[in-house]
PDB file of N, CA and C in Angstrom:
ATOM      1  N   MET A   1      37.182   7.363  12.687  1.00  0.00           N
ATOM      2  CA  MET A   1      36.905   6.414  12.578  1.00  0.00           C
ATOM      3  C   MET A   1      37.062   6.536  11.122  1.00  0.00           C
ATOM      4  N   LYS A   2      37.577   5.594   9.611  1.00  0.00           N
ATOM      5  CA  LYS A   2      37.326   6.038   8.367  1.00  0.00           C
ATOM      6  C   LYS A   2      36.094   4.925   7.842  1.00  0.00           C
ATOM      7  N   ASP A   3      36.076   5.993   6.819  1.00  0.00           N
ATOM      8  CA  ASP A   3      34.555   5.502   6.746  1.00  0.00           C
ATOM      9  C   ASP A   3      34.488   3.609   5.762  1.00  0.00           C
ATOM     10  N   ARG A   4      35.970   3.395   5.486  1.00  0.00           N
ATOM     11  CA  ARG A   4      36.019   1.658   5.427  1.00  0.00           C
ATOM     12  C   ARG A   4      35.424   1.195   6.775  1.00  0.00           C
ATOM     13  N   GLN A   5      36.085   1.633   7.405  1.00  0.00           N
ATOM     14  CA  GLN A   5      35.921   0.472   9.151  1.00  0.00           C
ATOM     15  C   GLN A   5      34.500   0.653   9.171  1.00  0.00           C
ATOM     16  N   ILE A   6      33.956   1.778   8.945  1.00  0.00           N
ATOM     17  CA  ILE A   6      32.317   1.956   9.224  1.00  0.00           C
ATOM     18  C   ILE A   6      32.149   1.037   8.493  1.00  0.00           C
ATOM     19  N   THR A   7      31.995   0.970   7.517  1.00  0.00           N
ATOM     20  CA  THR A   7      31.414  -0.203   6.328  1.00  0.00           C
ATOM     21  C   THR A   7      31.975  -1.497   6.834  1.00  0.00           C
ATOM     22  N   HIS A   8      32.534  -1.782   7.167  1.00  0.00           N
ATOM     23  CA  HIS A   8      33.091  -3.501   7.838  1.00  0.00           C
ATOM     24  C   HIS A   8      32.530  -3.451   8.834  1.00  0.00           C
ATOM     25  N   ILE A   9      32.171  -2.566   9.462  1.00  0.00           N
ATOM     26  CA  ILE A   9      31.475  -2.780  11.092  1.00  0.00           C
ATOM     27  C   ILE A   9      30.108  -3.057  10.729  1.00  0.00           C
ATOM     28  N   GLY A  10      29.425  -2.365  10.063  1.00  0.00           N
ATOM     29  CA  GLY A  10      28.197  -2.495  10.144  1.00  0.00           C
ATOM     30  C   GLY A  10      27.948  -4.022   9.149  1.00  0.00           C
ATOM     31  N   MET A  11      28.623  -3.646   8.547  1.00  0.00           N
ATOM     32  CA  MET A  11      28.507  -5.220   7.754  1.00  0.00           C
ATOM     33  C   MET A  11      28.274  -6.402   8.424  1.00  0.00           C
ATOM     34  N   ILE A  12      29.744  -6.576   9.053  1.00  0.00           N
ATOM     35  CA  ILE A  12      29.694  -7.685  10.430  1.00  0.00           C
ATOM     36  C   ILE A  12      28.321  -7.625  10.806  1.00  0.00           C
ATOM     37  N   ASN A  13      27.853  -6.529  11.431  1.00  0.00           N
ATOM     38  CA  ASN A  13      26.578  -6.600  12.591  1.00  0.00           C
ATOM     39  C   ASN A  13      25.826  -7.360  11.761  1.00  0.00           C
ATOM     40  N   SER A  14      25.442  -6.679  10.614  1.00  0.00           N
ATOM     41  CA  SER A  14      24.185  -7.197  10.244  1.00  0.00           C
ATOM     42  C   SER A  14      24.784  -8.809  10.249  1.00  0.00           C
ATOM     43  N   TYR A  15      25.829  -8.757   9.507  1.00  0.00           N
ATOM     44  CA  TYR A  15      25.912 -10.540   9.185  1.00  0.00           C
ATOM     45  C   TYR A  15      25.809 -11.135  10.569  1.00  0.00           C
ATOM     46  N   ASN A  16      26.169 -10.567  11.649  1.00  0.00           N
ATOM     47  CA  ASN A  16      25.672 -11.298  13.028  1.00  0.00           C
ATOM     48  C   ASN A  16      24.644 -11.584  13.145  1.00  0.00           C
ATOM     49  N   ILE A  17      23.449 -10.651  13.120  1.00  0.00           N
ATOM     50  CA  ILE A  17      22.164 -10.498  13.369  1.00  0.00           C
ATOM     51  C   ILE A  17      22.154 -11.220  12.593  1.00  0.00           C
ATOM     52  N   LEU A  18      21.989 -11.436  10.641  1.00  0.00           N
ATOM     53  CA  LEU A  18      21.204 -12.595  10.258  1.00  0.00           C
ATOM     54  C   LEU A  18      21.609 -13.819  10.223  1.00  0.00           C
ATOM     55  N   THR A  19      23.107 -14.070  10.955  1.00  0.00           N
ATOM     56  CA  THR A  19      23.305 -15.368  10.883  1.00  0.00           C
ATOM     57  C   THR A  19      22.916 -16.048  12.366  1.00  0.00           C
ATOM     58  N   ARG A  20      22.356 -15.220  13.234  1.00  0.00           N
ATOM     59  CA  ARG A  20      22.306 -15.236  15.245  1.00  0.00           C
ATOM     60  C   ARG A  20      22.707 -15.823  15.262  1.00  0.00           C
ATOM     61  N   LYS A  21      23.873 -14.885  15.446  1.00  0.00           N
ATOM     62  CA  LYS A  21      25.194 -14.900  15.872  1.00  0.00           C
ATOM     63  C   LYS A  21      25.367 -13.884  17.101  1.00  0.00           C
ATOM     64  N   ALA A  22      24.021 -12.677  16.869  1.00  0.00           N
ATOM     65  CA  ALA A  22      24.215 -11.283  18.522  1.00  0.00           C
ATOM     66  C   ALA A  22      22.339 -11.574  17.847  1.00  0.00           C
ATOM     67  N   ARG A  23      22.378 -10.638  18.785  1.00  0.00           N
ATOM     68  CA  ARG A  23      20.953  -9.817  19.348  1.00  0.00           C
ATOM     69  C   ARG A  23      20.818  -8.274  18.824  1.00  0.00           C
ATOM     70  N   ILE A  24      19.529  -7.768  17.937  1.00  0.00           N
ATOM     71  CA  ILE A  24      20.371  -7.075  17.430  1.00  0.00           C
ATOM     72  C   ILE A  24      19.712  -5.730  19.056  1.00  0.00           C
ATOM     73  N   ILE A  25      19.659  -6.016  20.064  1.00  0.00           N
ATOM     74  CA  ILE A  25      19.303  -4.768  21.182  1.00  0.00           C
ATOM     75  C   ILE A  25      20.997  -5.296  21.747  1.00  0.00           C
ATOM     76  N   ASP A  26      21.820  -6.130  21.316  1.00  0.00           N
ATOM     77  CA  ASP A  26      22.625  -6.322  21.992  1.00  0.00           C
ATOM     78  C   ASP A  26      24.011  -5.072  21.264  1.00  0.00           C
ATOM     79  N   VAL A  27      24.057  -5.745  19.339  1.00  0.00           N
ATOM     80  CA  VAL A  27      24.584  -4.746  18.931  1.00  0.00           C
ATOM     81  C   VAL A  27      24.279  -3.483  19.194  1.00  0.00           C
ATOM     82  N   ILE A  28      22.852  -2.644  19.114  1.00  0.00           N
ATOM     83  CA  ILE A  28      22.163  -1.385  19.663  1.00  0.00           C
ATOM     84  C   ILE A  28      22.873  -1.239  21.059  1.00  0.00           C
ATOM     85  N   GLU A  29      23.382  -1.551  21.911  1.00  0.00           N
ATOM     86  CA  GLU A  29      23.418  -1.163  23.028  1.00  0.00           C
ATOM     87  C   GLU A  29      25.222  -1.212  23.209  1.00  0.00           C
ATOM     88  N   SER A  30      25.437  -1.642  22.184  1.00  0.00           N
ATOM     89  CA  SER A  30      27.466  -2.029  21.817  1.00  0.00           C
ATOM     90  C   SER A  30      28.045  -0.646  21.829  1.00  0.00           C
ATOM     91  N   SER A  31      28.894  -0.401  21.877  1.00  0.00           N
ATOM     92  CA  SER A  31      30.011   0.877  21.536  1.00  0.00           C
ATOM     93  C   SER A  31      29.956   1.729  20.249  1.00  0.00           C
ATOM     94  N   ILE A  32      29.507   0.479  19.277  1.00  0.00           N
ATOM     95  CA  ILE A  32      28.640   0.650  17.119  1.00  0.00           C
ATOM     96  C   ILE A  32      28.388   0.589  17.111  1.00  0.00           C
ATOM     97  N   PRO A  33      26.693   0.947  17.621  1.00  0.00           N
ATOM     98  CA  PRO A  33      25.591   0.749  16.709  1.00  0.00           C
ATOM     99  C   PRO A  33      25.226   0.827  15.367  1.00  0.00           C
ATOM    100  N   ILE A  34      25.983  -0.392  14.373  1.00  0.00           N
ATOM    101  CA  ILE A  34      25.986   0.547  13.147  1.00  0.00           C
ATOM    102  C   ILE A  34      25.452  -0.629  12.446  1.00  0.00           C
ATOM    103  N   PHE A  35      24.653  -1.089  11.229  1.00  0.00           N
ATOM    104  CA  PHE A  35      24.217  -1.172  10.219  1.00  0.00           C
ATOM    105  C   PHE A  35      24.123  -1.168   8.810  1.00  0.00           C
ATOM    106  N   ALA A  36      24.579  -2.308   8.245  1.00  0.00           N
ATOM    107  CA  ALA A  36      24.054  -2.353   6.727  1.00  0.00           C
ATOM    108  C   ALA A  36      22.677  -2.862   5.929  1.00  0.00           C
ATOM    109  N   HIS A  37      22.274  -2.697   7.245  1.00  0.00           N
ATOM    110  CA  HIS A  37      20.792  -2.725   6.599  1.00  0.00           C
ATOM    111  C   HIS A  37      19.628  -2.048   7.492  1.00  0.00           C
ATOM    112  N   ILE A  38      18.499  -1.806   7.378  1.00  0.00           N
ATOM    113  CA  ILE A  38      17.410  -1.193   8.251  1.00  0.00           C
ATOM    114  C   ILE A  38      16.960  -1.935   9.535  1.00  0.00           C
ATOM    115  N   VAL A  39      17.060  -2.159  10.374  1.00  0.00           N
ATOM    116  CA  VAL A  39      17.256  -3.169  11.696  1.00  0.00           C
ATOM    117  C   VAL A  39      15.336  -2.978  11.921  1.00  0.00           C
ATOM    118  N   ASP A  40      14.612  -1.732  11.265  1.00  0.00           N
ATOM    119  CA  ASP A  40      13.502  -1.742  12.015  1.00  0.00           C
ATOM    120  C   ASP A  40      12.039  -2.247  10.814  1.00  0.00           C
ATOM    121  N   GLU A  41      12.932  -2.683   9.765  1.00  0.00           N
ATOM    122  CA  GLU A  41      11.889  -3.227   8.951  1.00  0.00           C
ATOM    123  C   GLU A  41      12.573  -4.042   8.549  1.00  0.00           C
ATOM    124  N   SER A  42      11.202  -5.276   8.029  1.00  0.00           N
ATOM    125  CA  SER A  42      11.773  -6.482   7.309  1.00  0.00           C
ATOM    126  C   SER A  42      12.914  -6.648   6.946  1.00  0.00           C
ATOM    127  N   ILE A  43      14.027  -7.547   6.486  1.00  0.00           N
ATOM    128  CA  ILE A  43      14.861  -7.499   5.647  1.00  0.00           C
ATOM    129  C   ILE A  43      14.747  -8.093   4.878  1.00  0.00           C
ATOM    130  N   ARG A  44      15.183  -7.770   2.996  1.00  0.00           N
ATOM    131  CA  ARG A  44      15.299  -7.882   1.763  1.00  0.00           C
ATOM    132  C   ARG A  44      15.756  -8.676   1.275  1.00  0.00           C
ATOM    133  N   LYS A  45      15.640  -9.113   0.313  1.00  0.00           N
ATOM    134  CA  LYS A  45      16.343  -9.864  -0.996  1.00  0.00           C
ATOM    135  C   LYS A  45      18.290  -9.316  -0.677  1.00  0.00           C
ATOM    136  N   SER A  46      17.756  -7.884  -1.776  1.00  0.00           N
ATOM    137  CA  SER A  46      18.487  -7.126  -2.186  1.00  0.00           C
ATOM    138  C   SER A  46      19.683  -6.617  -1.040  1.00  0.00           C
ATOM    139  N   ASP A  47      18.881  -6.538   0.667  1.00  0.00           N
ATOM    140  CA  ASP A  47      20.287  -6.626   1.955  1.00  0.00           C
ATOM    141  C   ASP A  47      21.537  -7.093   1.610  1.00  0.00           C
ATOM    142  N   ILE A  48      20.152  -9.016   1.331  1.00  0.00           N
ATOM    143  CA  ILE A  48      21.428 -10.070   1.762  1.00  0.00           C
ATOM    144  C   ILE A  48      22.505 -10.196   0.882  1.00  0.00           C
ATOM    145  N   ASP A  49      21.681  -9.452  -0.888  1.00  0.00           N
ATOM    146  CA  ASP A  49      22.564  -9.649  -1.795  1.00  0.00           C
ATOM    147  C   ASP A  49      23.892  -8.597  -1.482  1.00  0.00           C
ATOM    148  N   LEU A  50      23.711  -7.533  -1.412  1.00  0.00           N
ATOM    149  CA  LEU A  50      24.312  -6.766  -0.682  1.00  0.00           C
ATOM    150  C   LEU A  50      25.551  -7.243   0.143  1.00  0.00           C
ATOM    151  N   ILE A  51      25.370  -7.632   1.010  1.00  0.00           N
ATOM    152  CA  ILE A  51      26.107  -8.299   2.422  1.00  0.00           C
ATOM    153  C   ILE A  51      26.871  -9.346   2.083  1.00  0.00           C
ATOM    154  N   ILE A  52      26.102 -10.253   0.700  1.00  0.00           N
ATOM    155  CA  ILE A  52      27.180 -10.888   0.478  1.00  0.00           C
ATOM    156  C   ILE A  52      27.817 -10.636  -0.743  1.00  0.00           C
ATOM    157  N   GLY A  53      27.683  -9.727  -1.226  1.00  0.00           N
ATOM    158  CA  GLY A  53      28.824  -8.956  -2.405  1.00  0.00           C
ATOM    159  C   GLY A  53      29.789  -8.392  -1.376  1.00  0.00           C
ATOM    160  N   TYR A  54      29.716  -7.559  -0.278  1.00  0.00           N
ATOM    161  CA  TYR A  54      30.937  -6.860   0.398  1.00  0.00           C
ATOM    162  C   TYR A  54      31.523  -7.856   0.449  1.00  0.00           C
ATOM    163  N   PHE A  55      31.135  -8.775   0.953  1.00  0.00           N
ATOM    164  CA  PHE A  55      31.962 -10.717   1.905  1.00  0.00           C
ATOM    165  C   PHE A  55      32.348 -11.063   0.824  1.00  0.00           C
ATOM    166  N   GLU A  56      31.953 -11.302  -0.317  1.00  0.00           N
ATOM    167  CA  GLU A  56      32.867 -11.872  -1.324  1.00  0.00           C
ATOM    168  C   GLU A  56      33.718 -10.696  -1.826  1.00  0.00           C
ATOM    169  N   MET A  57      33.804  -9.774  -2.014  1.00  0.00           N
ATOM    170  CA  MET A  57      34.612  -8.563  -2.664  1.00  0.00           C
ATOM    171  C   MET A  57      35.904  -8.647  -1.206  1.00  0.00           C
ATOM    172  N   ILE A  58      35.924  -8.857   0.420  1.00  0.00           N
ATOM    173  CA  ILE A  58      37.405  -8.765   0.694  1.00  0.00           C
ATOM    174  C   ILE A  58      37.358 -10.686   1.071  1.00  0.00           C
ATOM    175  N   GLU A  59      36.654 -11.510   0.000  1.00  0.00           N
ATOM    176  CA  GLU A  59      37.057 -12.737   0.107  1.00  0.00           C
ATOM    177  C   GLU A  59      36.805 -13.932   1.236  1.00  0.00           C
ATOM    178  N   GLU A  60      35.794 -13.104   2.163  1.00  0.00           N
ATOM    179  CA  GLU A  60      35.123 -14.095   3.548  1.00  0.00           C
ATOM    180  C   GLU A  60      34.135 -14.775   2.821  1.00  0.00           C
ATOM    181  N   TYR A  61      34.578 -16.222   1.973  1.00  0.00           N
ATOM    182  CA  TYR A  61      33.713 -16.630   1.539  1.00  0.00           C
ATOM    183  C   TYR A  61      33.202 -17.789   2.382  1.00  0.00           C
ATOM    184  N   GLU A  62      33.371 -17.871   3.942  1.00  0.00           N
ATOM    185  CA  GLU A  62      32.368 -18.547   4.475  1.00  0.00           C
ATOM    186  C   GLU A  62      31.543 -17.966   5.327  1.00  0.00           C
ATOM    187  N   LYS A  63      31.237 -16.574   4.929  1.00  0.00           N
ATOM    188  CA  LYS A  63      30.438 -15.616   5.048  1.00  0.00           C
ATOM    189  C   LYS A  63      29.194 -15.561   4.767  1.00  0.00           C
ATOM    190  N   CYS A  64      30.005 -15.577   3.270  1.00  0.00           N
ATOM    191  CA  CYS A  64      28.597 -15.993   2.268  1.00  0.00           C
ATOM    192  C   CYS A  64      27.818 -17.113   2.385  1.00  0.00           C
ATOM    193  N   ILE A  65      28.590 -17.953   2.379  1.00  0.00           N
ATOM    194  CA  ILE A  65      27.839 -19.504   2.297  1.00  0.00           C
ATOM    195  C   ILE A  65      26.280 -19.062   3.309  1.00  0.00           C
ATOM    196  N   GLU A  66      27.223 -18.507   4.655  1.00  0.00           N
ATOM    197  CA  GLU A  66      25.813 -18.962   5.624  1.00  0.00           C
ATOM    198  C   GLU A  66      24.731 -17.650   5.301  1.00  0.00           C
ATOM    199  N   LEU A  67      25.400 -17.142   4.964  1.00  0.00           N
ATOM    200  CA  LEU A  67      24.299 -15.602   4.418  1.00  0.00           C
ATOM    201  C   LEU A  67      23.481 -16.067   3.183  1.00  0.00           C
ATOM    202  N   LYS A  68      23.920 -17.305   2.377  1.00  0.00           N
ATOM    203  CA  LYS A  68      23.167 -17.660   0.971  1.00  0.00           C
ATOM    204  C   LYS A  68      22.217 -18.430   1.793  1.00  0.00           C
ATOM    205  N   CYS A  69      22.824 -19.247   2.834  1.00  0.00           N
ATOM    206  CA  CYS A  69      22.004 -20.503   3.361  1.00  0.00           C
ATOM    207  C   CYS A  69      20.607 -19.154   3.856  1.00  0.00           C
ATOM    208  N   VAL A  70      21.014 -17.950   4.730  1.00  0.00           N
ATOM    209  CA  VAL A  70      19.726 -17.197   4.819  1.00  0.00           C
ATOM    210  C   VAL A  70      19.134 -17.101   3.557  1.00  0.00           C
ATOM    211  N   SER A  71      19.246 -16.487   3.048  1.00  0.00           N
ATOM    212  CA  SER A  71      18.930 -15.657   1.874  1.00  0.00           C
ATOM    213  C   SER A  71      17.605 -16.965   1.066  1.00  0.00           C
ATOM    214  N   GLN A  72      17.900 -18.137   0.642  1.00  0.00           N
ATOM    215  CA  GLN A  72      17.265 -19.177   0.586  1.00  0.00           C
ATOM    216  C   GLN A  72      16.441 -19.577   1.512  1.00  0.00           C
ATOM    217  N   THR A  73      16.291 -19.559   2.699  1.00  0.00           N
ATOM    218  CA  THR A  73      15.396 -20.121   4.272  1.00  0.00           C
ATOM    219  C   THR A  73      14.319 -18.802   3.644  1.00  0.00           C
ATOM    220  N   LEU A  74      14.802 -17.177   4.153  1.00  0.00           N
ATOM    221  CA  LEU A  74      13.600 -16.160   4.085  1.00  0.00           C
ATOM    222  C   LEU A  74      13.270 -15.916   2.645  1.00  0.00           C
ATOM    223  N   PHE A  75      13.772 -15.931   1.233  1.00  0.00           N
ATOM    224  CA  PHE A  75      13.149 -15.605  -0.011  1.00  0.00           C
ATOM    225  C   PHE A  75      13.419 -17.022  -1.088  1.00  0.00           C
ATOM    226  N   TYR A  76      12.343 -16.509  -2.158  1.00  0.00           N
ATOM    227  CA  TYR A  76      12.232 -17.696  -3.219  1.00  0.00           C
ATOM    228  C   TYR A  76      13.544 -16.860  -3.790  1.00  0.00           C
ATOM    229  N   ASP A  77      13.756 -17.437  -5.380  1.00  0.00           N
ATOM    230  CA  ASP A  77      14.913 -17.159  -6.193  1.00  0.00           C
ATOM    231  C   ASP A  77      14.739 -15.448  -6.972  1.00  0.00           C
ATOM    232  N   ASN A  78      13.193 -15.023  -6.818  1.00  0.00           N
ATOM    233  CA  ASN A  78      13.127 -13.974  -7.714  1.00  0.00           C
ATOM    234  C   ASN A  78      12.722 -12.735  -6.610  1.00  0.00           C
ATOM    235  N   GLY A  79      12.937 -13.011  -5.400  1.00  0.00           N
ATOM    236  CA  GLY A  79      13.278 -11.641  -4.609  1.00  0.00           C
ATOM    237  C   GLY A  79      11.939 -11.780  -3.469  1.00  0.00           C
ATOM    238  N   GLU A  80      10.679 -12.522  -3.837  1.00  0.00           N
ATOM    239  CA  GLU A  80       9.230 -12.360  -3.179  1.00  0.00           C
ATOM    240  C   GLU A  80       9.522 -13.970  -1.687  1.00  0.00           C
ATOM    241  N   PRO A  81       9.639 -12.878  -0.285  1.00  0.00           N
ATOM    242  CA  PRO A  81       9.601 -14.124   0.800  1.00  0.00           C
ATOM    243  C   PRO A  81       8.904 -14.936   1.387  1.00  0.00           C
ATOM    244  N   LYS A  82       9.628 -15.988   1.493  1.00  0.00           N
ATOM    245  CA  LYS A  82       8.821 -17.095   1.723  1.00  0.00           C
ATOM    246  C   LYS A  82       8.137 -17.052   2.762  1.00  0.00           C
ATOM    247  N   GLU A  83       6.599 -17.452   2.553  1.00  0.00           N
ATOM    248  CA  GLU A  83       5.710 -17.783   3.927  1.00  0.00           C
ATOM    249  C   GLU A  83       5.936 -18.794   4.993  1.00  0.00           C
ATOM    250  N   MET A  84       6.812 -18.702   6.663  1.00  0.00           N
ATOM    251  CA  MET A  84       7.536 -19.075   7.412  1.00  0.00           C
ATOM    252  C   MET A  84       6.311 -20.395   8.984  1.00  0.00           C
ATOM    253  N   LYS A  85       6.114 -21.281   8.039  1.00  0.00           N
ATOM    254  CA  LYS A  85       5.027 -21.788   8.617  1.00  0.00           C
ATOM    255  C   LYS A  85       5.462 -21.800  10.232  1.00  0.00           C
ATOM    256  N   GLN A  86       4.385 -21.604  11.151  1.00  0.00           N
ATOM    257  CA  GLN A  86       4.564 -21.851  12.761  1.00  0.00           C
ATOM    258  C   GLN A  86       4.846 -23.266  13.117  1.00  0.00           C
ATOM    259  N   CYS A  87       5.800 -23.369  14.426  1.00  0.00           N
ATOM    260  CA  CYS A  87       5.464 -25.353  14.289  1.00  0.00           C
ATOM    261  C   CYS A  87       4.030 -25.326  15.526  1.00  0.00           C
ATOM    262  N   GLU A  88       3.786 -26.825  14.460  1.00  0.00           N
ATOM    263  CA  GLU A  88       2.826 -27.401  15.468  1.00  0.00           C
ATOM    264  C   GLU A  88       2.872 -28.570  16.125  1.00  0.00           C
ATOM    265  N   CYS A  89       4.191 -28.610  16.288  1.00  0.00           N
ATOM    266  CA  CYS A  89       4.118 -29.863  17.734  1.00  0.00           C
ATOM    267  C   CYS A  89       3.528 -29.873  18.589  1.00  0.00           C
ATOM    268  N   ILE A  90       2.746 -30.589  19.509  1.00  0.00           N
ATOM    269  CA  ILE A  90       2.528 -30.705  20.449  1.00  0.00           C
ATOM    270  C   ILE A  90       3.411 -30.325  22.017  1.00  0.00           C
ATOM    271  N   MET A  91       4.122 -30.899  21.573  1.00  0.00           N
ATOM    272  CA  MET A  91       5.068 -30.880  22.434  1.00  0.00           C
ATOM    273  C   MET A  91       6.381 -30.171  21.986  1.00  0.00           C
ATOM    274  N   PRO A  92       6.383 -28.376  21.354  1.00  0.00           N
ATOM    275  CA  PRO A  92       8.129 -28.003  20.906  1.00  0.00           C
ATOM    276  C   PRO A  92       8.644 -28.058  21.941  1.00  0.00           C
ATOM    277  N   SER A  93      10.092 -28.336  21.274  1.00  0.00           N
ATOM    278  CA  SER A  93      11.246 -28.123  22.312  1.00  0.00           C
ATOM    279  C   SER A  93      12.846 -26.829  21.100  1.00  0.00           C
ATOM    280  N   TYR A  94      12.579 -26.253  21.740  1.00  0.00           N
ATOM    281  CA  TYR A  94      13.641 -25.213  21.739  1.00  0.00           C
ATOM    282  C   TYR A  94      14.834 -25.275  23.030  1.00  0.00           C
ATOM    283  N   ALA A  95      15.562 -24.612  22.215  1.00  0.00           N
ATOM    284  CA  ALA A  95      17.092 -24.047  23.158  1.00  0.00           C
ATOM    285  C   ALA A  95      16.883 -22.410  22.714  1.00  0.00           C
ATOM    286  N   PRO A  96      17.893 -21.911  23.235  1.00  0.00           N
ATOM    287  CA  PRO A  96      18.123 -19.714  23.550  1.00  0.00           C
ATOM    288  C   PRO A  96      18.758 -19.740  22.312  1.00  0.00           C
ATOM    289  N   LYS A  97      18.140 -19.173  21.649  1.00  0.00           N
ATOM    290  CA  LYS A  97      18.976 -18.415  20.238  1.00  0.00           C
ATOM    291  C   LYS A  97      19.273 -17.257  20.521  1.00  0.00           C
ATOM    292  N   TYR A  98      19.838 -16.095  19.766  1.00  0.00           N
ATOM    293  CA  TYR A  98      20.421 -15.445  20.287  1.00  0.00           C
ATOM    294  C   TYR A  98      19.378 -14.381  18.553  1.00  0.00           C
ATOM    295  N   ASP A  99      18.402 -14.718  18.884  1.00  0.00           N
ATOM    296  CA  ASP A  99      17.246 -13.443  18.502  1.00  0.00           C
ATOM    297  C   ASP A  99      15.718 -13.608  18.909  1.00  0.00           C
ATOM    298  N   ASP A 100      15.360 -12.773  18.842  1.00  0.00           N
ATOM    299  CA  ASP A 100      13.817 -12.451  19.671  1.00  0.00           C
ATOM    300  C   ASP A 100      13.105 -13.304  18.812  1.00  0.00           C
ATOM    301  N   VAL A 101      13.224 -14.395  17.942  1.00  0.00           N
ATOM    302  CA  VAL A 101      12.295 -15.726  17.355  1.00  0.00           C
ATOM    303  C   VAL A 101      12.915 -16.902  18.291  1.00  0.00           C
ATOM    304  N   MET A 102      11.574 -17.771  18.588  1.00  0.00           N
ATOM    305  CA  MET A 102      12.301 -18.860  18.704  1.00  0.00           C
ATOM    306  C   MET A 102      11.901 -19.735  18.099  1.00  0.00           C
ATOM    307  N   ILE A 103      12.890 -20.581  18.095  1.00  0.00           N
ATOM    308  CA  ILE A 103      12.692 -21.810  16.680  1.00  0.00           C
ATOM    309  C   ILE A 103      12.769 -23.631  17.923  1.00  0.00           C
ATOM    310  N   CYS A 104      11.618 -23.899  17.447  1.00  0.00           N
ATOM    311  CA  CYS A 104      11.702 -25.310  17.353  1.00  0.00           C
ATOM    312  C   CYS A 104      12.456 -26.254  17.222  1.00  0.00           C
ATOM    313  N   CYS A 105      13.296 -26.838  17.732  1.00  0.00           N
ATOM    314  CA  CYS A 105      14.329 -28.109  17.693  1.00  0.00           C
ATOM    315  C   CYS A 105      13.594 -28.983  16.605  1.00  0.00           C
ATOM    316  N   ASN A 106      12.369 -29.626  16.887  1.00  0.00           N
ATOM    317  CA  ASN A 106      12.082 -30.878  15.746  1.00  0.00           C
ATOM    318  C   ASN A 106      11.929 -30.262  14.670  1.00  0.00           C
ATOM    319  N   CYS A 107      11.176 -29.363  14.592  1.00  0.00           N
ATOM    320  CA  CYS A 107      10.389 -28.910  13.085  1.00  0.00           C
ATOM    321  C   CYS A 107      11.542 -27.596  12.828  1.00  0.00           C
ATOM    322  N   ASN A 108      12.234 -27.367  13.221  1.00  0.00           N
ATOM    323  CA  ASN A 108      13.170 -25.787  13.049  1.00  0.00           C
ATOM    324  C   ASN A 108      12.064 -24.805  12.676  1.00  0.00           C
ATOM    325  N   LYS A 109      10.671 -24.609  12.623  1.00  0.00           N
ATOM    326  CA  LYS A 109       9.879 -23.652  12.250  1.00  0.00           C
ATOM    327  C   LYS A 109       9.869 -22.403  14.061  1.00  0.00           C
ATOM    328  N   PRO A 110       9.320 -21.264  13.518  1.00  0.00           N
ATOM    329  CA  PRO A 110       9.161 -19.884  14.771  1.00  0.00           C
ATOM    330  C   PRO A 110       8.027 -20.918  15.770  1.00  0.00           C
ATOM    331  N   ILE A 111       8.277 -20.945  17.008  1.00  0.00           N
ATOM    332  CA  ILE A 111       7.455 -20.696  17.855  1.00  0.00           C
ATOM    333  C   ILE A 111       6.707 -19.240  18.186  1.00  0.00           C
ATOM    334  N   ILE A 112       5.131 -19.335  17.436  1.00  0.00           N
ATOM    335  CA  ILE A 112       4.476 -18.059  18.051  1.00  0.00           C
ATOM    336  C   ILE A 112       3.711 -18.117  19.006  1.00  0.00           C
ATOM    337  N   TYR A 113       3.541 -17.398  19.811  1.00  0.00           N
ATOM    338  CA  TYR A 113       2.678 -17.279  21.129  1.00  0.00           C
ATOM    339  C   TYR A 113       1.411 -16.019  20.556  1.00  0.00           C
ATOM    340  N   GLU A 114       0.636 -16.755  20.109  1.00  0.00           N
ATOM    341  CA  GLU A 114      -0.868 -16.017  19.698  1.00  0.00           C
ATOM    342  C   GLU A 114      -1.845 -16.255  20.896  1.00  0.00           C
ATOM    343  N   ARG A 115      -2.457 -15.318  21.578  1.00  0.00           N
ATOM    344  CA  ARG A 115      -3.204 -14.684  22.417  1.00  0.00           C
ATOM    345  C   ARG A 115      -5.184 -14.931  21.639  1.00  0.00           C
ATOM    346  N   VAL A 116      -5.632 -15.611  22.602  1.00  0.00           N
ATOM    347  CA  VAL A 116      -7.191 -16.138  22.233  1.00  0.00           C
ATOM    348  C   VAL A 116      -7.797 -14.967  23.052  1.00  0.00           C
TER     349      VAL A 116
END
C-alpha cells in the first residue's frame, strides 16, 4: 500500500469516527486500523483542522462542512474545549449512535451514568 493510500484511509477513518459514522472499536477491528489522530487521547481542534485541510485539498467539501460543525460543537474559536453539559431531562430519550457516548434525543446532550 502506498503512503498516499495509507494517509487517505487514516483521514477517512478519523472522519467517520468524528462524525459518528463508525465506532472506534469497529475501525480497530477492521483490516486497516489507521487514524489521522490519536484515538487514545482527547481530540484537539488542531487535529480536526488538519483533517479538514486534507479534505479541502482533495475537494471533498461536504466532509469539510461536517467536520467544521463537529469542531464548532466541541471547541471555541481559540481552540479551547467547550464544556459539554450533561442531559438533565427527567425522561431522556435516546437512539443508538455509532459512538461510546449516548446522546439524548430531546436536548442533544450526553447521557452520563454516574455511580452514587
